[in-house]
Amino acid sequence: MVTVPTGEFLMGSQDALAYPADGEGPVRTVHVDAFSIDACTVTNAQFARFAADTGHRSLAERTGWSFVFAGLLPDDFPPTRSVVGAPWWRQVEGADWRHPDGPHSTWEDRADHPVVHVDFHDARAYCSWAGKRLPTEAEWERAARGGLHGKVFPWGDELEPGGRPRMNVWQGDFPNRHPTADGWYGTCPVEAYEPNGFGLYNATGNVWEWCDAPFSPAGDGQERVAKGGSYLCHASYCRRYRVAARQGLPPDSTTGNVGFRCAVDMA
């Protein structure tokens, strides 16, 4: 874990890249007490130790299916139900954290990749076992900014400084062409790319991360905040690979691009 010192930061965004309907704004000064947070998202290997120790069965394991990005399925995979408005998400029987792309896959060949297909309750169960907790949204965003103020990404305002990818997001024409200039199709190892100023790896891109915060205080209070974007984000339809970006997910949502990292209070 890395320590994030007590301090204030500018939270949210109102620039041209922001999604006002997501509640990114207004930009406001937020004070956050010192805390510690995982440098990386929880890996498959770590979650496997938790499951072996506790016997925990994730929601996807109990229901027998989860949503997988269609581009990760075999060419001869039978047609299954897709998500309305997002047909690249396919319901796959046997998909869970142990089988990230469905029954033809295994976590064991990607032990250092982030665990996925975990819902909000699965993430909290892991945190409890580890003696930790999920970060609040403010804690997550302060940590992801790495000490920078008002910047778009953990490293600054430029998406690819010097033309070099700095995070694992979609590159090409979504969802049909992905030249993988960053070397990855799907998730990447949790320590890929350079850490930010506080020492966090992959704060944006790779997988969305659960936060312990309601998405809309004015709503029904059910959706929880996820931050950071994922390997499927692309400017053509989802610019949420920014530190200020947020999305709301039902707490029982499980997909192949959502994971988490843990936090703890400072003693």
C-alpha atoms as a PDB file:
ATOM      1  CA  MET A   1       0.000   0.000   0.000  1.00  0.00           C
ATOM      2  CA  VAL A   2       0.998   3.635  -0.433  1.00  0.00           C
ATOM      3  CA  THR A   3       0.250   6.550   1.862  1.00  0.00           C
ATOM      4  CA  VAL A   4      -1.696   9.558   0.640  1.00  0.00           C
ATOM      5  CA  PRO A   5      -1.070  12.508   2.965  1.00  0.00           C
ATOM      6  CA  THR A   6      -3.703  14.786   4.423  1.00  0.00           C
ATOM      7  CA  GLY A   7      -4.521  17.567   1.991  1.00  0.00           C
ATOM      8  CA  GLU A   8      -6.967  19.382  -0.230  1.00  0.00           C
ATOM      9  CA  PHE A   9      -7.488  18.860  -3.924  1.00  0.00           C
ATOM     10  CA  LEU A  10      -9.754  20.009  -6.738  1.00  0.00           C
ATOM     11  CA  MET A  11     -12.337  17.269  -7.223  1.00  0.00           C
ATOM     12  CA  GLY A  12     -14.478  16.881 -10.326  1.00  0.00           C
ATOM     13  CA  SER A  13     -14.378  18.374 -13.808  1.00  0.00           C
ATOM     14  CA  GLN A  14     -16.300  20.844 -15.937  1.00  0.00           C
ATOM     15  CA  ASP A  15     -14.023  20.894 -18.969  1.00  0.00           C
ATOM     16  CA  ALA A  16     -14.886  19.882 -22.532  1.00  0.00           C
ATOM     17  CA  LEU A  17     -14.197  16.201 -21.792  1.00  0.00           C
ATOM     18  CA  ALA A  18     -16.562  15.979 -18.820  1.00  0.00           C
ATOM     19  CA  TYR A  19     -19.973  14.338 -18.678  1.00  0.00           C
ATOM     20  CA  PRO A  20     -22.177  16.782 -16.717  1.00  0.00           C
ATOM     21  CA  ALA A  21     -24.989  14.224 -16.458  1.00  0.00           C
ATOM     22  CA  ASP A  22     -22.636  11.931 -14.521  1.00  0.00           C
ATOM     23  CA  GLY A  23     -22.302  14.508 -11.755  1.00  0.00           C
ATOM     24  CA  GLU A  24     -18.625  15.239 -12.375  1.00  0.00           C
ATOM     25  CA  GLY A  25     -19.100  18.896 -11.492  1.00  0.00           C
ATOM     26  CA  PRO A  26     -18.962  21.363 -10.064  1.00  0.00           C
ATOM     27  CA  VAL A  27     -15.234  21.471  -9.462  1.00  0.00           C
ATOM     28  CA  ARG A  28     -14.812  21.886  -5.732  1.00  0.00           C
ATOM     29  CA  THR A  29     -12.051  21.933  -3.137  1.00  0.00           C
ATOM     30  CA  VAL A  30     -12.203  18.786  -0.998  1.00  0.00           C
ATOM     31  CA  HIS A  31     -10.227  17.993   2.163  1.00  0.00           C
ATOM     32  CA  VAL A  32      -9.137  14.377   2.667  1.00  0.00           C
ATOM     33  CA  ASP A  33      -7.446  13.017   5.783  1.00  0.00           C
ATOM     34  CA  ALA A  34      -4.371  10.863   5.345  1.00  0.00           C
ATOM     35  CA  PHE A  35      -5.029   7.238   4.392  1.00  0.00           C
ATOM     36  CA  SER A  36      -3.341   4.295   2.724  1.00  0.00           C
ATOM     37  CA  ILE A  37      -4.462   2.671  -0.509  1.00  0.00           C
ATOM     38  CA  ASP A  38      -3.327  -0.316  -2.536  1.00  0.00           C
ATOM     39  CA  ALA A  39      -0.752   0.618  -5.145  1.00  0.00           C
ATOM     40  CA  CYS A  40      -2.469  -1.842  -7.479  1.00  0.00           C
ATOM     41  CA  THR A  41      -5.918  -3.266  -7.975  1.00  0.00           C
ATOM     42  CA  VAL A  42      -6.534  -6.628  -6.323  1.00  0.00           C
ATOM     43  CA  THR A  43      -5.187  -9.411  -8.518  1.00  0.00           C
ATOM     44  CA  ASN A  44      -6.604 -12.779  -9.462  1.00  0.00           C
ATOM     45  CA  ALA A  45      -3.938 -14.457  -7.324  1.00  0.00           C
ATOM     46  CA  GLN A  46      -4.874 -12.372  -4.276  1.00  0.00           C
ATOM     47  CA  PHE A  47      -8.574 -13.023  -4.736  1.00  0.00           C
ATOM     48  CA  ALA A  48      -7.864 -16.732  -5.150  1.00  0.00           C
ATOM     49  CA  ARG A  49      -6.150 -16.783  -1.744  1.00  0.00           C
ATOM     50  CA  PHE A  50      -9.167 -15.035  -0.223  1.00  0.00           C
ATOM     51  CA  ALA A  51     -11.591 -17.505  -1.818  1.00  0.00           C
ATOM     52  CA  ALA A  52      -9.535 -20.495  -0.692  1.00  0.00           C
ATOM     53  CA  ASP A  53      -9.285 -19.165   2.852  1.00  0.00           C
ATOM     54  CA  THR A  54     -12.941 -18.210   3.290  1.00  0.00           C
ATOM     55  CA  GLY A  55     -14.863 -20.360   0.823  1.00  0.00           C
ATOM     56  CA  HIS A  56     -16.368 -17.182  -0.617  1.00  0.00           C
ATOM     57  CA  ARG A  57     -18.357 -17.702  -3.801  1.00  0.00           C
ATOM     58  CA  SER A  58     -18.856 -14.597  -5.899  1.00  0.00           C
ATOM     59  CA  LEU A  59     -22.231 -13.529  -7.225  1.00  0.00           C
ATOM     60  CA  ALA A  60     -21.225 -14.608 -10.743  1.00  0.00           C
ATOM     61  CA  GLU A  61     -20.297 -18.052  -9.428  1.00  0.00           C
ATOM     62  CA  ARG A  62     -23.619 -18.382  -7.619  1.00  0.00           C
ATOM     63  CA  THR A  63     -25.733 -17.228 -10.558  1.00  0.00           C
ATOM     64  CA  GLY A  64     -23.669 -19.150 -13.097  1.00  0.00           C
ATOM     65  CA  TRP A  65     -22.986 -16.353 -15.582  1.00  0.00           C
ATOM     66  CA  SER A  66     -21.641 -12.846 -16.143  1.00  0.00           C
ATOM     67  CA  PHE A  67     -21.098 -10.353 -18.977  1.00  0.00           C
ATOM     68  CA  VAL A  68     -18.011 -10.718 -21.185  1.00  0.00           C
ATOM     69  CA  PHE A  69     -16.769  -8.406 -23.936  1.00  0.00           C
ATOM     70  CA  ALA A  70     -17.681 -10.070 -27.249  1.00  0.00           C
ATOM     71  CA  GLY A  71     -14.236  -9.462 -28.710  1.00  0.00           C
ATOM     72  CA  LEU A  72     -12.744 -11.855 -26.161  1.00  0.00           C
ATOM     73  CA  LEU A  73     -15.014 -14.740 -27.134  1.00  0.00           C
ATOM     74  CA  PRO A  74     -14.067 -17.459 -29.642  1.00  0.00           C
ATOM     75  CA  ASP A  75     -15.264 -16.912 -33.211  1.00  0.00           C
ATOM     76  CA  ASP A  76     -17.562 -19.921 -32.978  1.00  0.00           C
ATOM     77  CA  PHE A  77     -19.108 -18.863 -29.656  1.00  0.00           C
ATOM     78  CA  PRO A  78     -22.889 -19.303 -29.871  1.00  0.00           C
ATOM     79  CA  PRO A  79     -25.074 -16.185 -29.933  1.00  0.00           C
ATOM     80  CA  THR A  80     -26.207 -15.204 -26.454  1.00  0.00           C
ATOM     81  CA  ARG A  81     -28.124 -12.331 -24.908  1.00  0.00           C
ATOM     82  CA  SER A  82     -26.448  -8.929 -25.220  1.00  0.00           C
ATOM     83  CA  VAL A  83     -26.933  -5.697 -23.314  1.00  0.00           C
ATOM     84  CA  VAL A  84     -29.425  -3.253 -24.816  1.00  0.00           C
ATOM     85  CA  GLY A  85     -27.485  -0.277 -26.181  1.00  0.00           C
ATOM     86  CA  ALA A  86     -24.166  -2.067 -25.666  1.00  0.00           C
ATOM     87  CA  PRO A  87     -24.233  -5.194 -27.869  1.00  0.00           C
ATOM     88  CA  TRP A  88     -20.520  -5.817 -27.299  1.00  0.00           C
ATOM     89  CA  TRP A  89     -21.453  -7.176 -23.859  1.00  0.00           C
ATOM     90  CA  ARG A  90     -22.568 -10.805 -24.025  1.00  0.00           C
ATOM     91  CA  GLN A  91     -24.093 -12.980 -21.335  1.00  0.00           C
ATOM     92  CA  VAL A  92     -21.756 -15.949 -20.917  1.00  0.00           C
ATOM     93  CA  GLU A  93     -22.603 -19.026 -18.888  1.00  0.00           C
ATOM     94  CA  GLY A  94     -19.668 -20.037 -16.733  1.00  0.00           C
ATOM     95  CA  ALA A  95     -18.002 -16.614 -16.763  1.00  0.00           C
ATOM     96  CA  ASP A  96     -16.753 -15.546 -13.337  1.00  0.00           C
ATOM     97  CA  TRP A  97     -13.499 -14.406 -11.736  1.00  0.00           C
ATOM     98  CA  ARG A  98     -12.040 -17.903 -12.140  1.00  0.00           C
ATOM     99  CA  HIS A  99     -12.966 -17.915 -15.847  1.00  0.00           C
ATOM    100  CA  PRO A 100     -12.652 -14.246 -16.936  1.00  0.00           C
ATOM    101  CA  ASP A 101     -13.572 -14.792 -20.604  1.00  0.00           C
ATOM    102  CA  GLY A 102     -15.886 -17.732 -20.014  1.00  0.00           C
ATOM    103  CA  PRO A 103     -15.355 -21.464 -19.399  1.00  0.00           C
ATOM    104  CA  HIS A 104     -12.629 -21.647 -22.056  1.00  0.00           C
ATOM    105  CA  SER A 105     -10.398 -19.335 -19.947  1.00  0.00           C
ATOM    106  CA  THR A 106      -8.724 -19.405 -16.539  1.00  0.00           C
ATOM    107  CA  TRP A 107      -7.373 -16.839 -14.092  1.00  0.00           C
ATOM    108  CA  GLU A 108      -4.232 -18.924 -13.647  1.00  0.00           C
ATOM    109  CA  ASP A 109      -2.633 -17.660 -16.866  1.00  0.00           C
ATOM    110  CA  ARG A 110      -3.249 -14.053 -15.741  1.00  0.00           C
ATOM    111  CA  ALA A 111      -2.540 -14.271 -12.025  1.00  0.00           C
ATOM    112  CA  ASP A 112      -1.110 -10.738 -11.967  1.00  0.00           C
ATOM    113  CA  HIS A 113      -4.096  -9.215 -13.788  1.00  0.00           C
ATOM    114  CA  PRO A 114      -6.924  -7.533 -11.882  1.00  0.00           C
ATOM    115  CA  VAL A 115      -9.709  -9.755 -10.624  1.00  0.00           C
ATOM    116  CA  VAL A 116     -12.958  -9.057 -12.528  1.00  0.00           C
ATOM    117  CA  HIS A 117     -16.561 -10.276 -12.420  1.00  0.00           C
ATOM    118  CA  VAL A 118     -16.770  -9.155  -8.790  1.00  0.00           C
ATOM    119  CA  ASP A 119     -19.737  -7.132  -7.590  1.00  0.00           C
ATOM    120  CA  PHE A 120     -19.738  -4.490  -4.858  1.00  0.00           C
ATOM    121  CA  HIS A 121     -20.462  -7.059  -2.153  1.00  0.00           C
ATOM    122  CA  ASP A 122     -17.701  -9.396  -3.341  1.00  0.00           C
ATOM    123  CA  ALA A 123     -15.256  -6.486  -3.160  1.00  0.00           C
ATOM    124  CA  ARG A 124     -16.352  -5.554   0.356  1.00  0.00           C
ATOM    125  CA  ALA A 125     -16.071  -9.171   1.499  1.00  0.00           C
ATOM    126  CA  TYR A 126     -12.465  -9.294   0.281  1.00  0.00           C
ATOM    127  CA  CYS A 127     -11.684  -5.993   2.006  1.00  0.00           C
ATOM    128  CA  SER A 128     -13.112  -7.273   5.291  1.00  0.00           C
ATOM    129  CA  TRP A 129     -10.995 -10.441   5.051  1.00  0.00           C
ATOM    130  CA  ALA A 130      -7.893  -8.333   4.343  1.00  0.00           C
ATOM    131  CA  GLY A 131      -8.596  -5.948   7.243  1.00  0.00           C
ATOM    132  CA  LYS A 132      -9.183  -3.103   4.831  1.00  0.00           C
ATOM    133  CA  ARG A 133     -12.106  -1.293   3.170  1.00  0.00           C
ATOM    134  CA  LEU A 134     -13.087   0.220  -0.150  1.00  0.00           C
ATOM    135  CA  PRO A 135     -11.974   3.826  -0.669  1.00  0.00           C
ATOM    136  CA  THR A 136     -14.459   6.654  -0.703  1.00  0.00           C
ATOM    137  CA  GLU A 137     -14.853   8.457  -4.014  1.00  0.00           C
ATOM    138  CA  ALA A 138     -12.926  11.478  -2.726  1.00  0.00           C
ATOM    139  CA  GLU A 139     -10.097   9.274  -1.458  1.00  0.00           C
ATOM    140  CA  TRP A 140      -9.928   7.404  -4.742  1.00  0.00           C
ATOM    141  CA  GLU A 141      -9.811  10.566  -6.831  1.00  0.00           C
ATOM    142  CA  ARG A 142      -7.218  12.258  -4.624  1.00  0.00           C
ATOM    143  CA  ALA A 143      -5.025   9.164  -4.820  1.00  0.00           C
ATOM    144  CA  ALA A 144      -5.527   8.782  -8.578  1.00  0.00           C
ATOM    145  CA  ARG A 145      -4.481  12.384  -9.198  1.00  0.00           C
ATOM    146  CA  GLY A 146      -1.093  11.617  -7.689  1.00  0.00           C
ATOM    147  CA  GLY A 147      -0.667  15.060  -6.156  1.00  0.00           C
ATOM    148  CA  LEU A 148      -1.469  16.953  -9.361  1.00  0.00           C
ATOM    149  CA  HIS A 149      -4.185  19.611  -9.286  1.00  0.00           C
ATOM    150  CA  GLY A 150      -6.880  19.912 -11.927  1.00  0.00           C
ATOM    151  CA  LYS A 151      -5.213  17.585 -14.444  1.00  0.00           C
ATOM    152  CA  VAL A 152      -7.138  15.238 -16.727  1.00  0.00           C
ATOM    153  CA  PHE A 153      -5.014  12.125 -16.183  1.00  0.00           C
ATOM    154  CA  PRO A 154      -2.810  10.824 -13.363  1.00  0.00           C
ATOM    155  CA  TRP A 155       0.250  12.133 -15.250  1.00  0.00           C
ATOM    156  CA  GLY A 156      -1.079  15.416 -16.709  1.00  0.00           C
ATOM    157  CA  ASP A 157      -3.359  16.672 -19.462  1.00  0.00           C
ATOM    158  CA  GLU A 158      -1.977  14.895 -22.545  1.00  0.00           C
ATOM    159  CA  LEU A 159      -3.505  11.519 -23.388  1.00  0.00           C
ATOM    160  CA  GLU A 160      -0.341   9.995 -24.854  1.00  0.00           C
ATOM    161  CA  PRO A 161       2.737  12.101 -24.049  1.00  0.00           C
ATOM    162  CA  GLY A 162       5.290  11.657 -26.801  1.00  0.00           C
ATOM    163  CA  GLY A 163       2.863   9.357 -28.612  1.00  0.00           C
ATOM    164  CA  ARG A 164       3.338   6.644 -25.977  1.00  0.00           C
ATOM    165  CA  PRO A 165       0.307   4.970 -24.328  1.00  0.00           C
ATOM    166  CA  ARG A 166       0.187   5.555 -20.576  1.00  0.00           C
ATOM    167  CA  MET A 167      -2.804   3.355 -19.769  1.00  0.00           C
ATOM    168  CA  ASN A 168      -4.723   0.361 -21.048  1.00  0.00           C
ATOM    169  CA  VAL A 169      -7.661   1.710 -23.069  1.00  0.00           C
ATOM    170  CA  TRP A 170      -9.112   0.947 -26.485  1.00  0.00           C
ATOM    171  CA  GLN A 171      -7.047   2.150 -29.435  1.00  0.00           C
ATOM    172  CA  GLY A 172      -8.754   2.055 -32.818  1.00  0.00           C
ATOM    173  CA  ASP A 173     -12.368   2.010 -33.960  1.00  0.00           C
ATOM    174  CA  PHE A 174     -14.511   0.709 -31.136  1.00  0.00           C
ATOM    175  CA  PRO A 175     -15.670  -2.052 -30.962  1.00  0.00           C
ATOM    176  CA  ASN A 176     -14.379  -3.544 -34.193  1.00  0.00           C
ATOM    177  CA  ARG A 177     -10.700  -2.646 -34.549  1.00  0.00           C
ATOM    178  CA  HIS A 178      -8.123  -2.584 -31.788  1.00  0.00           C
ATOM    179  CA  PRO A 179      -4.505  -2.436 -33.028  1.00  0.00           C
ATOM    180  CA  THR A 180      -3.208  -2.972 -29.441  1.00  0.00           C
ATOM    181  CA  ALA A 181      -0.468  -0.383 -29.734  1.00  0.00           C
ATOM    182  CA  ASP A 182      -0.228  -0.669 -25.958  1.00  0.00           C
ATOM    183  CA  GLY A 183       0.345  -4.416 -26.223  1.00  0.00           C
ATOM    184  CA  TRP A 184      -2.889  -5.557 -24.563  1.00  0.00           C
ATOM    185  CA  TYR A 185      -6.275  -6.807 -25.664  1.00  0.00           C
ATOM    186  CA  GLY A 186      -8.381  -7.095 -22.539  1.00  0.00           C
ATOM    187  CA  THR A 187      -6.860  -6.565 -19.116  1.00  0.00           C
ATOM    188  CA  CYS A 188      -3.157  -6.060 -18.470  1.00  0.00           C
ATOM    189  CA  PRO A 189      -1.011  -6.813 -15.394  1.00  0.00           C
ATOM    190  CA  VAL A 190      -1.726  -4.533 -12.459  1.00  0.00           C
ATOM    191  CA  GLU A 191       1.798  -3.094 -12.485  1.00  0.00           C
ATOM    192  CA  ALA A 192       1.827  -2.310 -16.213  1.00  0.00           C
ATOM    193  CA  TYR A 193       2.672   1.290 -17.107  1.00  0.00           C
ATOM    194  CA  GLU A 194       4.278   3.842 -14.807  1.00  0.00           C
ATOM    195  CA  PRO A 195       2.827   4.707 -11.394  1.00  0.00           C
ATOM    196  CA  ASN A 196       1.551   8.187 -10.620  1.00  0.00           C
ATOM    197  CA  GLY A 197       3.037  10.642  -8.144  1.00  0.00           C
ATOM    198  CA  PHE A 198       1.642   8.770  -5.138  1.00  0.00           C
ATOM    199  CA  GLY A 199       2.749   5.379  -6.463  1.00  0.00           C
ATOM    200  CA  LEU A 200      -0.593   4.096  -7.817  1.00  0.00           C
ATOM    201  CA  TYR A 201      -0.520   1.891 -10.892  1.00  0.00           C
ATOM    202  CA  ASN A 202      -3.284   1.880 -13.513  1.00  0.00           C
ATOM    203  CA  ALA A 203      -5.495   4.408 -11.747  1.00  0.00           C
ATOM    204  CA  THR A 204      -7.131   4.986 -15.125  1.00  0.00           C
ATOM    205  CA  GLY A 205      -7.834   2.374 -17.773  1.00  0.00           C
ATOM    206  CA  ASN A 206      -7.607  -1.404 -17.362  1.00  0.00           C
ATOM    207  CA  VAL A 207     -10.612  -1.921 -15.032  1.00  0.00           C
ATOM    208  CA  TRP A 208     -13.248   0.190 -13.353  1.00  0.00           C
ATOM    209  CA  GLU A 209     -12.827   0.293  -9.574  1.00  0.00           C
ATOM    210  CA  TRP A 210     -15.579   0.100  -6.970  1.00  0.00           C
ATOM    211  CA  CYS A 211     -15.780   2.936  -4.443  1.00  0.00           C
ATOM    212  CA  ASP A 212     -17.806   2.979  -1.246  1.00  0.00           C
ATOM    213  CA  ALA A 213     -20.010   5.874  -2.277  1.00  0.00           C
ATOM    214  CA  PRO A 214     -23.524   6.342  -3.687  1.00  0.00           C
ATOM    215  CA  PHE A 215     -23.545   7.444  -7.323  1.00  0.00           C
ATOM    216  CA  SER A 216     -26.394   9.920  -6.907  1.00  0.00           C
ATOM    217  CA  PRO A 217     -27.393  11.257  -3.486  1.00  0.00           C
ATOM    218  CA  ALA A 218     -30.583  12.525  -5.121  1.00  0.00           C
ATOM    219  CA  GLY A 219     -31.419   9.107  -6.549  1.00  0.00           C
ATOM    220  CA  ASP A 220     -32.608   5.898  -4.925  1.00  0.00           C
ATOM    221  CA  GLY A 221     -29.227   5.344  -3.322  1.00  0.00           C
ATOM    222  CA  GLN A 222     -28.743   1.902  -4.859  1.00  0.00           C
ATOM    223  CA  GLU A 223     -26.075   2.541  -7.490  1.00  0.00           C
ATOM    224  CA  ARG A 224     -22.485   2.718  -6.288  1.00  0.00           C
ATOM    225  CA  VAL A 225     -19.654   4.743  -7.780  1.00  0.00           C
ATOM    226  CA  ALA A 226     -17.036   3.152 -10.022  1.00  0.00           C
ATOM    227  CA  LYS A 227     -13.991   5.167 -11.088  1.00  0.00           C
ATOM    228  CA  GLY A 228     -11.121   5.032 -13.546  1.00  0.00           C
ATOM    229  CA  GLY A 229     -12.522   3.636 -16.783  1.00  0.00           C
ATOM    230  CA  SER A 230     -11.394   0.360 -18.342  1.00  0.00           C
ATOM    231  CA  TYR A 231      -9.691  -1.307 -21.293  1.00  0.00           C
ATOM    232  CA  LEU A 232     -12.889  -0.722 -23.296  1.00  0.00           C
ATOM    233  CA  CYS A 233     -13.001   3.071 -22.912  1.00  0.00           C
ATOM    234  CA  HIS A 234     -12.515   5.066 -26.109  1.00  0.00           C
ATOM    235  CA  ALA A 235     -13.021   8.727 -26.965  1.00  0.00           C
ATOM    236  CA  SER A 236     -15.669   7.828 -29.555  1.00  0.00           C
ATOM    237  CA  TYR A 237     -18.179   6.726 -26.938  1.00  0.00           C
ATOM    238  CA  CYS A 238     -16.687   6.765 -23.423  1.00  0.00           C
ATOM    239  CA  ARG A 239     -14.183   9.369 -22.240  1.00  0.00           C
ATOM    240  CA  ARG A 240     -14.408   8.077 -18.690  1.00  0.00           C
ATOM    241  CA  TYR A 241     -10.721   7.123 -18.527  1.00  0.00           C
ATOM    242  CA  ARG A 242     -10.101  10.380 -16.636  1.00  0.00           C
ATOM    243  CA  VAL A 243      -9.509  10.841 -12.909  1.00  0.00           C
ATOM    244  CA  ALA A 244     -12.646  12.985 -12.493  1.00  0.00           C
ATOM    245  CA  ALA A 245     -14.919  10.628 -14.422  1.00  0.00           C
ATOM    246  CA  ARG A 246     -17.415   8.411 -12.632  1.00  0.00           C
ATOM    247  CA  GLN A 247     -20.190   5.994 -13.401  1.00  0.00           C
ATOM    248  CA  GLY A 248     -22.945   4.401 -11.373  1.00  0.00           C
ATOM    249  CA  LEU A 249     -23.319   0.633 -11.205  1.00  0.00           C
ATOM    250  CA  PRO A 250     -25.902  -1.502  -9.416  1.00  0.00           C
ATOM    251  CA  PRO A 251     -24.122  -3.183  -6.486  1.00  0.00           C
ATOM    252  CA  ASP A 252     -24.916  -6.596  -7.990  1.00  0.00           C
ATOM    253  CA  SER A 253     -23.339  -5.722 -11.341  1.00  0.00           C
ATOM    254  CA  THR A 254     -20.643  -8.128 -12.595  1.00  0.00           C
ATOM    255  CA  THR A 255     -18.722  -7.705 -15.830  1.00  0.00           C
ATOM    256  CA  GLY A 256     -15.297  -8.467 -17.228  1.00  0.00           C
ATOM    257  CA  ASN A 257     -14.006  -4.925 -16.762  1.00  0.00           C
ATOM    258  CA  VAL A 258     -14.765  -4.076 -13.118  1.00  0.00           C
ATOM    259  CA  GLY A 259     -12.402  -4.681 -10.203  1.00  0.00           C
ATOM    260  CA  PHE A 260     -11.277  -2.797  -7.088  1.00  0.00           C
ATOM    261  CA  ARG A 261      -8.450  -1.778  -4.791  1.00  0.00           C
ATOM    262  CA  CYS A 262      -8.519  -1.428  -1.002  1.00  0.00           C
ATOM    263  CA  ALA A 263      -7.841   1.384   1.443  1.00  0.00           C
ATOM    264  CA  VAL A 264      -7.241   1.712   5.192  1.00  0.00           C
ATOM    265  CA  ASP A 265      -7.378   4.559   7.688  1.00  0.00           C
ATOM    266  CA  MET A 266      -4.131   5.876   9.055  1.00  0.00           C
ATOM    267  CA  ALA A 267      -3.537   4.850  12.668  1.00  0.00           C
END
